[in-house]
Amino acid sequence: MDFVTLLGLLAGTLTTISFVPQLLKTWRSRSAKDISASMFITFCIGVLLWLIYGICIQAVPIIIANAVTLTLASIILFFKVRFG
């Protein structure tokens, strides 16, 4: 694996795991009142577009990072709807 791919994987890993604390906090507290639904909807659409872009250019770091980020952000958005 070349340096650029490793760099992309590291960047994707760090930005993706940044959602884990928010997801855990929301899940544990059963509260999402301080989360902006419009921000997370917009974010999820943007990440979906990045994922599609990554697939089109066959960039593994972009695909992996955005697939996982979209999953985590979608769960947080689900919690926003479920817990209000």
PDB file of N, CA and C in Angstrom:
ATOM      1  N   MET A   1       0.846  -1.173   0.000  1.00  0.00           N
ATOM      2  CA  MET A   1       0.000   0.000   0.000  1.00  0.00           C
ATOM      3  C   MET A   1       0.898   1.244   0.000  1.00  0.00           C
ATOM      4  N   ASP A   2       0.567   2.202  -0.829  1.00  0.00           N
ATOM      5  CA  ASP A   2       1.417   3.388  -0.928  1.00  0.00           C
ATOM      6  C   ASP A   2       1.092   4.416   0.158  1.00  0.00           C
ATOM      7  N   PHE A   3       1.960   5.401   0.286  1.00  0.00           N
ATOM      8  CA  PHE A   3       1.845   6.418   1.327  1.00  0.00           C
ATOM      9  C   PHE A   3       0.546   7.213   1.205  1.00  0.00           C
ATOM     10  N   VAL A   4       0.162   7.574   0.002  1.00  0.00           N
ATOM     11  CA  VAL A   4      -1.046   8.384  -0.192  1.00  0.00           C
ATOM     12  C   VAL A   4      -2.293   7.613   0.257  1.00  0.00           C
ATOM     13  N   THR A   5      -2.354   6.343  -0.053  1.00  0.00           N
ATOM     14  CA  THR A   5      -3.485   5.519   0.385  1.00  0.00           C
ATOM     15  C   THR A   5      -3.505   5.402   1.905  1.00  0.00           C
ATOM     16  N   LEU A   6      -2.344   5.186   2.512  1.00  0.00           N
ATOM     17  CA  LEU A   6      -2.270   5.131   3.980  1.00  0.00           C
ATOM     18  C   LEU A   6      -2.686   6.450   4.607  1.00  0.00           C
ATOM     19  N   LEU A   7      -2.253   7.544   4.002  1.00  0.00           N
ATOM     20  CA  LEU A   7      -2.637   8.870   4.490  1.00  0.00           C
ATOM     21  C   LEU A   7      -4.155   9.038   4.425  1.00  0.00           C
ATOM     22  N   GLY A   8      -4.743   8.634   3.327  1.00  0.00           N
ATOM     23  CA  GLY A   8      -6.197   8.712   3.184  1.00  0.00           C
ATOM     24  C   GLY A   8      -6.926   7.848   4.192  1.00  0.00           C
ATOM     25  N   LEU A   9      -6.414   6.645   4.415  1.00  0.00           N
ATOM     26  CA  LEU A   9      -7.039   5.763   5.405  1.00  0.00           C
ATOM     27  C   LEU A   9      -6.929   6.330   6.813  1.00  0.00           C
ATOM     28  N   LEU A  10      -5.782   6.911   7.153  1.00  0.00           N
ATOM     29  CA  LEU A  10      -5.618   7.519   8.477  1.00  0.00           C
ATOM     30  C   LEU A  10      -6.547   8.711   8.643  1.00  0.00           C
ATOM     31  N   ALA A  11      -6.590   9.578   7.647  1.00  0.00           N
ATOM     32  CA  ALA A  11      -7.486  10.745   7.716  1.00  0.00           C
ATOM     33  C   ALA A  11      -8.937  10.305   7.840  1.00  0.00           C
ATOM     34  N   GLY A  12      -9.331   9.322   7.045  1.00  0.00           N
ATOM     35  CA  GLY A  12     -10.695   8.820   7.105  1.00  0.00           C
ATOM     36  C   GLY A  12     -11.027   8.188   8.442  1.00  0.00           C
ATOM     37  N   THR A  13     -10.079   7.462   8.989  1.00  0.00           N
ATOM     38  CA  THR A  13     -10.289   6.830  10.296  1.00  0.00           C
ATOM     39  C   THR A  13     -10.504   7.880  11.383  1.00  0.00           C
ATOM     40  N   LEU A  14      -9.651   8.889  11.413  1.00  0.00           N
ATOM     41  CA  LEU A  14      -9.753   9.912  12.457  1.00  0.00           C
ATOM     42  C   LEU A  14     -11.049  10.711  12.347  1.00  0.00           C
ATOM     43  N   THR A  15     -11.415  11.123  11.134  1.00  0.00           N
ATOM     44  CA  THR A  15     -12.652  11.905  11.001  1.00  0.00           C
ATOM     45  C   THR A  15     -13.885  11.037  11.241  1.00  0.00           C
ATOM     46  N   THR A  16     -13.808   9.776  10.908  1.00  0.00           N
ATOM     47  CA  THR A  16     -14.941   8.882  11.120  1.00  0.00           C
ATOM     48  C   THR A  16     -15.152   8.576  12.595  1.00  0.00           C
ATOM     49  N   ILE A  17     -14.077   8.242  13.312  1.00  0.00           N
ATOM     50  CA  ILE A  17     -14.252   7.893  14.735  1.00  0.00           C
ATOM     51  C   ILE A  17     -14.632   9.100  15.582  1.00  0.00           C
ATOM     52  N   SER A  18     -14.526  10.290  15.021  1.00  0.00           N
ATOM     53  CA  SER A  18     -14.945  11.468  15.790  1.00  0.00           C
ATOM     54  C   SER A  18     -16.446  11.450  16.077  1.00  0.00           C
ATOM     55  N   PHE A  19     -17.211  10.660  15.343  1.00  0.00           N
ATOM     56  CA  PHE A  19     -18.649  10.567  15.573  1.00  0.00           C
ATOM     57  C   PHE A  19     -19.005   9.579  16.688  1.00  0.00           C
ATOM     58  N   VAL A  20     -18.105   8.708  17.040  1.00  0.00           N
ATOM     59  CA  VAL A  20     -18.393   7.671  18.036  1.00  0.00           C
ATOM     60  C   VAL A  20     -18.761   8.264  19.406  1.00  0.00           C
ATOM     61  N   PRO A  21     -18.024   9.249  19.933  1.00  0.00           N
ATOM     62  CA  PRO A  21     -18.429   9.804  21.238  1.00  0.00           C
ATOM     63  C   PRO A  21     -19.839  10.402  21.233  1.00  0.00           C
ATOM     64  N   GLN A  22     -20.213  11.093  20.142  1.00  0.00           N
ATOM     65  CA  GLN A  22     -21.563  11.668  20.067  1.00  0.00           C
ATOM     66  C   GLN A  22     -22.608  10.569  19.997  1.00  0.00           C
ATOM     67  N   LEU A  23     -22.334   9.541  19.233  1.00  0.00           N
ATOM     68  CA  LEU A  23     -23.260   8.430  19.123  1.00  0.00           C
ATOM     69  C   LEU A  23     -23.457   7.762  20.483  1.00  0.00           C
ATOM     70  N   LEU A  24     -22.368   7.499  21.187  1.00  0.00           N
ATOM     71  CA  LEU A  24     -22.464   6.862  22.509  1.00  0.00           C
ATOM     72  C   LEU A  24     -23.176   7.751  23.521  1.00  0.00           C
ATOM     73  N   LYS A  25     -22.870   9.044  23.500  1.00  0.00           N
ATOM     74  CA  LYS A  25     -23.518   9.974  24.433  1.00  0.00           C
ATOM     75  C   LYS A  25     -25.025  10.030  24.188  1.00  0.00           C
ATOM     76  N   THR A  26     -25.408  10.096  22.931  1.00  0.00           N
ATOM     77  CA  THR A  26     -26.829  10.156  22.595  1.00  0.00           C
ATOM     78  C   THR A  26     -27.531   8.856  22.966  1.00  0.00           C
ATOM     79  N   TRP A  27     -26.888   7.744  22.701  1.00  0.00           N
ATOM     80  CA  TRP A  27     -27.477   6.451  23.015  1.00  0.00           C
ATOM     81  C   TRP A  27     -27.631   6.262  24.522  1.00  0.00           C
ATOM     82  N   ARG A  28     -26.587   6.602  25.271  1.00  0.00           N
ATOM     83  CA  ARG A  28     -26.626   6.419  26.732  1.00  0.00           C
ATOM     84  C   ARG A  28     -27.623   7.348  27.404  1.00  0.00           C
ATOM     85  N   SER A  29     -27.671   8.598  26.962  1.00  0.00           N
ATOM     86  CA  SER A  29     -28.547   9.581  27.599  1.00  0.00           C
ATOM     87  C   SER A  29     -29.983   9.501  27.082  1.00  0.00           C
ATOM     88  N   ARG A  30     -30.171   8.818  25.948  1.00  0.00           N
ATOM     89  CA  ARG A  30     -31.486   8.751  25.309  1.00  0.00           C
ATOM     90  C   ARG A  30     -32.032  10.155  25.029  1.00  0.00           C
ATOM     91  N   SER A  31     -31.129  11.064  24.705  1.00  0.00           N
ATOM     92  CA  SER A  31     -31.510  12.435  24.410  1.00  0.00           C
ATOM     93  C   SER A  31     -30.693  12.951  23.226  1.00  0.00           C
ATOM     94  N   ALA A  32     -31.406  13.574  22.296  1.00  0.00           N
ATOM     95  CA  ALA A  32     -30.751  14.173  21.139  1.00  0.00           C
ATOM     96  C   ALA A  32     -31.232  15.604  20.953  1.00  0.00           C
ATOM     97  N   LYS A  33     -31.690  16.213  22.035  1.00  0.00           N
ATOM     98  CA  LYS A  33     -32.289  17.546  21.936  1.00  0.00           C
ATOM     99  C   LYS A  33     -31.293  18.604  21.467  1.00  0.00           C
ATOM    100  N   ASP A  34     -30.019  18.424  21.737  1.00  0.00           N
ATOM    101  CA  ASP A  34     -29.017  19.419  21.346  1.00  0.00           C
ATOM    102  C   ASP A  34     -28.415  19.164  19.969  1.00  0.00           C
ATOM    103  N   ILE A  35     -28.912  18.163  19.277  1.00  0.00           N
ATOM    104  CA  ILE A  35     -28.401  17.839  17.954  1.00  0.00           C
ATOM    105  C   ILE A  35     -29.301  18.491  16.915  1.00  0.00           C
ATOM    106  N   SER A  36     -28.690  19.146  15.950  1.00  0.00           N
ATOM    107  CA  SER A  36     -29.420  19.796  14.874  1.00  0.00           C
ATOM    108  C   SER A  36     -29.782  18.776  13.794  1.00  0.00           C
ATOM    109  N   ALA A  37     -31.078  18.540  13.633  1.00  0.00           N
ATOM    110  CA  ALA A  37     -31.531  17.589  12.617  1.00  0.00           C
ATOM    111  C   ALA A  37     -31.165  18.083  11.223  1.00  0.00           C
ATOM    112  N   SER A  38     -31.343  19.366  10.955  1.00  0.00           N
ATOM    113  CA  SER A  38     -31.038  19.876   9.615  1.00  0.00           C
ATOM    114  C   SER A  38     -29.550  19.748   9.308  1.00  0.00           C
ATOM    115  N   MET A  39     -28.702  19.936  10.308  1.00  0.00           N
ATOM    116  CA  MET A  39     -27.264  19.781  10.092  1.00  0.00           C
ATOM    117  C   MET A  39     -26.929  18.326   9.759  1.00  0.00           C
ATOM    118  N   PHE A  40     -27.507  17.389  10.496  1.00  0.00           N
ATOM    119  CA  PHE A  40     -27.195  15.981  10.259  1.00  0.00           C
ATOM    120  C   PHE A  40     -27.795  15.474   8.950  1.00  0.00           C
ATOM    121  N   ILE A  41     -28.958  15.981   8.546  1.00  0.00           N
ATOM    122  CA  ILE A  41     -29.530  15.619   7.249  1.00  0.00           C
ATOM    123  C   ILE A  41     -28.615  16.112   6.136  1.00  0.00           C
ATOM    124  N   THR A  42     -28.215  17.373   6.227  1.00  0.00           N
ATOM    125  CA  THR A  42     -27.308  17.948   5.233  1.00  0.00           C
ATOM    126  C   THR A  42     -25.989  17.193   5.203  1.00  0.00           C
ATOM    127  N   PHE A  43     -25.458  16.888   6.377  1.00  0.00           N
ATOM    128  CA  PHE A  43     -24.203  16.152   6.483  1.00  0.00           C
ATOM    129  C   PHE A  43     -24.324  14.773   5.847  1.00  0.00           C
ATOM    130  N   CYS A  44     -25.398  14.058   6.147  1.00  0.00           N
ATOM    131  CA  CYS A  44     -25.595  12.711   5.595  1.00  0.00           C
ATOM    132  C   CYS A  44     -25.685  12.746   4.067  1.00  0.00           C
ATOM    133  N   ILE A  45     -26.360  13.741   3.526  1.00  0.00           N
ATOM    134  CA  ILE A  45     -26.441  13.870   2.074  1.00  0.00           C
ATOM    135  C   ILE A  45     -25.049  14.129   1.498  1.00  0.00           C
ATOM    136  N   GLY A  46     -24.288  15.011   2.133  1.00  0.00           N
ATOM    137  CA  GLY A  46     -22.927  15.287   1.679  1.00  0.00           C
ATOM    138  C   GLY A  46     -22.040  14.056   1.730  1.00  0.00           C
ATOM    139  N   VAL A  47     -22.121  13.312   2.810  1.00  0.00           N
ATOM    140  CA  VAL A  47     -21.316  12.089   2.948  1.00  0.00           C
ATOM    141  C   VAL A  47     -21.741  11.052   1.919  1.00  0.00           C
ATOM    142  N   LEU A  48     -23.043  10.948   1.653  1.00  0.00           N
ATOM    143  CA  LEU A  48     -23.524  10.030   0.621  1.00  0.00           C
ATOM    144  C   LEU A  48     -22.930  10.404  -0.741  1.00  0.00           C
ATOM    145  N   LEU A  49     -22.896  11.692  -1.044  1.00  0.00           N
ATOM    146  CA  LEU A  49     -22.313  12.139  -2.302  1.00  0.00           C
ATOM    147  C   LEU A  49     -20.816  11.841  -2.365  1.00  0.00           C
ATOM    148  N   TRP A  50     -20.106  12.030  -1.232  1.00  0.00           N
ATOM    149  CA  TRP A  50     -18.684  11.658  -1.181  1.00  0.00           C
ATOM    150  C   TRP A  50     -18.509  10.166  -1.409  1.00  0.00           C
ATOM    151  N   LEU A  51     -19.397   9.364  -0.847  1.00  0.00           N
ATOM    152  CA  LEU A  51     -19.337   7.921  -1.029  1.00  0.00           C
ATOM    153  C   LEU A  51     -19.521   7.557  -2.502  1.00  0.00           C
ATOM    154  N   ILE A  52     -20.507   8.162  -3.142  1.00  0.00           N
ATOM    155  CA  ILE A  52     -20.733   7.918  -4.567  1.00  0.00           C
ATOM    156  C   ILE A  52     -19.513   8.348  -5.376  1.00  0.00           C
ATOM    157  N   TYR A  53     -18.963   9.501  -5.038  1.00  0.00           N
ATOM    158  CA  TYR A  53     -17.756   9.983  -5.708  1.00  0.00           C
ATOM    159  C   TYR A  53     -16.608   8.987  -5.540  1.00  0.00           C
ATOM    160  N   GLY A  54     -16.408   8.510  -4.330  1.00  0.00           N
ATOM    161  CA  GLY A  54     -15.355   7.535  -4.059  1.00  0.00           C
ATOM    162  C   GLY A  54     -15.526   6.261  -4.864  1.00  0.00           C
ATOM    163  N   ILE A  55     -16.771   5.831  -4.992  1.00  0.00           N
ATOM    164  CA  ILE A  55     -17.051   4.636  -5.795  1.00  0.00           C
ATOM    165  C   ILE A  55     -16.731   4.912  -7.263  1.00  0.00           C
ATOM    166  N   CYS A  56     -17.121   6.086  -7.737  1.00  0.00           N
ATOM    167  CA  CYS A  56     -16.869   6.433  -9.151  1.00  0.00           C
ATOM    168  C   CYS A  56     -15.377   6.462  -9.479  1.00  0.00           C
ATOM    169  N   ILE A  57     -14.568   6.970  -8.562  1.00  0.00           N
ATOM    170  CA  ILE A  57     -13.126   7.045  -8.846  1.00  0.00           C
ATOM    171  C   ILE A  57     -12.366   5.855  -8.256  1.00  0.00           C
ATOM    172  N   GLN A  58     -13.104   4.931  -7.647  1.00  0.00           N
ATOM    173  CA  GLN A  58     -12.538   3.711  -7.071  1.00  0.00           C
ATOM    174  C   GLN A  58     -11.437   4.006  -6.046  1.00  0.00           C
ATOM    175  N   ALA A  59     -11.720   4.946  -5.147  1.00  0.00           N
ATOM    176  CA  ALA A  59     -10.767   5.330  -4.103  1.00  0.00           C
ATOM    177  C   ALA A  59     -11.172   4.652  -2.796  1.00  0.00           C
ATOM    178  N   VAL A  60     -10.465   3.599  -2.449  1.00  0.00           N
ATOM    179  CA  VAL A  60     -10.802   2.787  -1.278  1.00  0.00           C
ATOM    180  C   VAL A  60     -10.883   3.615   0.010  1.00  0.00           C
ATOM    181  N   PRO A  61      -9.926   4.508   0.314  1.00  0.00           N
ATOM    182  CA  PRO A  61     -10.045   5.280   1.548  1.00  0.00           C
ATOM    183  C   PRO A  61     -11.315   6.136   1.600  1.00  0.00           C
ATOM    184  N   ILE A  62     -11.688   6.729   0.479  1.00  0.00           N
ATOM    185  CA  ILE A  62     -12.902   7.553   0.440  1.00  0.00           C
ATOM    186  C   ILE A  62     -14.139   6.684   0.612  1.00  0.00           C
ATOM    187  N   ILE A  63     -14.142   5.536  -0.014  1.00  0.00           N
ATOM    188  CA  ILE A  63     -15.289   4.633   0.082  1.00  0.00           C
ATOM    189  C   ILE A  63     -15.469   4.143   1.515  1.00  0.00           C
ATOM    190  N   ILE A  64     -14.407   3.634   2.112  1.00  0.00           N
ATOM    191  CA  ILE A  64     -14.502   3.082   3.471  1.00  0.00           C
ATOM    192  C   ILE A  64     -14.884   4.161   4.481  1.00  0.00           C
ATOM    193  N   ALA A  65     -14.164   5.276   4.452  1.00  0.00           N
ATOM    194  CA  ALA A  65     -14.415   6.334   5.430  1.00  0.00           C
ATOM    195  C   ALA A  65     -15.840   6.864   5.328  1.00  0.00           C
ATOM    196  N   ASN A  66     -16.310   7.087   4.126  1.00  0.00           N
ATOM    197  CA  ASN A  66     -17.643   7.656   3.978  1.00  0.00           C
ATOM    198  C   ASN A  66     -18.752   6.650   4.205  1.00  0.00           C
ATOM    199  N   ALA A  67     -18.518   5.388   3.922  1.00  0.00           N
ATOM    200  CA  ALA A  67     -19.519   4.361   4.229  1.00  0.00           C
ATOM    201  C   ALA A  67     -19.713   4.241   5.739  1.00  0.00           C
ATOM    202  N   VAL A  68     -18.606   4.211   6.474  1.00  0.00           N
ATOM    203  CA  VAL A  68     -18.701   4.104   7.937  1.00  0.00           C
ATOM    204  C   VAL A  68     -19.254   5.401   8.535  1.00  0.00           C
ATOM    205  N   THR A  69     -18.774   6.548   8.048  1.00  0.00           N
ATOM    206  CA  THR A  69     -19.268   7.836   8.554  1.00  0.00           C
ATOM    207  C   THR A  69     -20.763   7.980   8.298  1.00  0.00           C
ATOM    208  N   LEU A  70     -21.209   7.595   7.110  1.00  0.00           N
ATOM    209  CA  LEU A  70     -22.637   7.672   6.800  1.00  0.00           C
ATOM    210  C   LEU A  70     -23.448   6.787   7.739  1.00  0.00           C
ATOM    211  N   THR A  71     -22.929   5.630   8.047  1.00  0.00           N
ATOM    212  CA  THR A  71     -23.612   4.730   8.982  1.00  0.00           C
ATOM    213  C   THR A  71     -23.725   5.370  10.366  1.00  0.00           C
ATOM    214  N   LEU A  72     -22.609   5.879  10.882  1.00  0.00           N
ATOM    215  CA  LEU A  72     -22.618   6.491  12.219  1.00  0.00           C
ATOM    216  C   LEU A  72     -23.512   7.726  12.264  1.00  0.00           C
ATOM    217  N   ALA A  73     -23.394   8.594  11.262  1.00  0.00           N
ATOM    218  CA  ALA A  73     -24.200   9.814  11.236  1.00  0.00           C
ATOM    219  C   ALA A  73     -25.684   9.481  11.076  1.00  0.00           C
ATOM    220  N   SER A  74     -25.996   8.453  10.310  1.00  0.00           N
ATOM    221  CA  SER A  74     -27.391   8.044  10.139  1.00  0.00           C
ATOM    222  C   SER A  74     -27.977   7.498  11.432  1.00  0.00           C
ATOM    223  N   ILE A  75     -27.167   6.784  12.193  1.00  0.00           N
ATOM    224  CA  ILE A  75     -27.639   6.295  13.497  1.00  0.00           C
ATOM    225  C   ILE A  75     -27.918   7.466  14.432  1.00  0.00           C
ATOM    226  N   ILE A  76     -27.037   8.449  14.437  1.00  0.00           N
ATOM    227  CA  ILE A  76     -27.270   9.646  15.264  1.00  0.00           C
ATOM    228  C   ILE A  76     -28.550  10.348  14.815  1.00  0.00           C
ATOM    229  N   LEU A  77     -28.748  10.467  13.511  1.00  0.00           N
ATOM    230  CA  LEU A  77     -29.977  11.079  12.986  1.00  0.00           C
ATOM    231  C   LEU A  77     -31.197  10.264  13.390  1.00  0.00           C
ATOM    232  N   PHE A  78     -31.091   8.945  13.356  1.00  0.00           N
ATOM    233  CA  PHE A  78     -32.172   8.082  13.821  1.00  0.00           C
ATOM    234  C   PHE A  78     -32.482   8.351  15.294  1.00  0.00           C
ATOM    235  N   PHE A  79     -31.432   8.461  16.110  1.00  0.00           N
ATOM    236  CA  PHE A  79     -31.620   8.780  17.528  1.00  0.00           C
ATOM    237  C   PHE A  79     -32.308  10.126  17.696  1.00  0.00           C
ATOM    238  N   LYS A  80     -31.987  11.091  16.833  1.00  0.00           N
ATOM    239  CA  LYS A  80     -32.615  12.412  16.904  1.00  0.00           C
ATOM    240  C   LYS A  80     -34.125  12.276  16.700  1.00  0.00           C
ATOM    241  N   VAL A  81     -34.514  11.457  15.733  1.00  0.00           N
ATOM    242  CA  VAL A  81     -35.926  11.246  15.467  1.00  0.00           C
ATOM    243  C   VAL A  81     -36.571  10.453  16.607  1.00  0.00           C
ATOM    244  N   ARG A  82     -35.867   9.432  17.067  1.00  0.00           N
ATOM    245  CA  ARG A  82     -36.427   8.546  18.097  1.00  0.00           C
ATOM    246  C   ARG A  82     -36.491   9.201  19.480  1.00  0.00           C
ATOM    247  N   PHE A  83     -35.411   9.883  19.879  1.00  0.00           N
ATOM    248  CA  PHE A  83     -35.346  10.436  21.227  1.00  0.00           C
ATOM    249  C   PHE A  83     -35.722  11.904  21.297  1.00  0.00           C
ATOM    250  N   GLY A  84     -35.823  12.554  20.144  1.00  0.00           N
ATOM    251  CA  GLY A  84     -36.252  13.950  20.100  1.00  0.00           C
ATOM    252  C   GLY A  84     -35.330  14.950  20.627  1.00  0.00           C
TER     253      GLY A  84
END
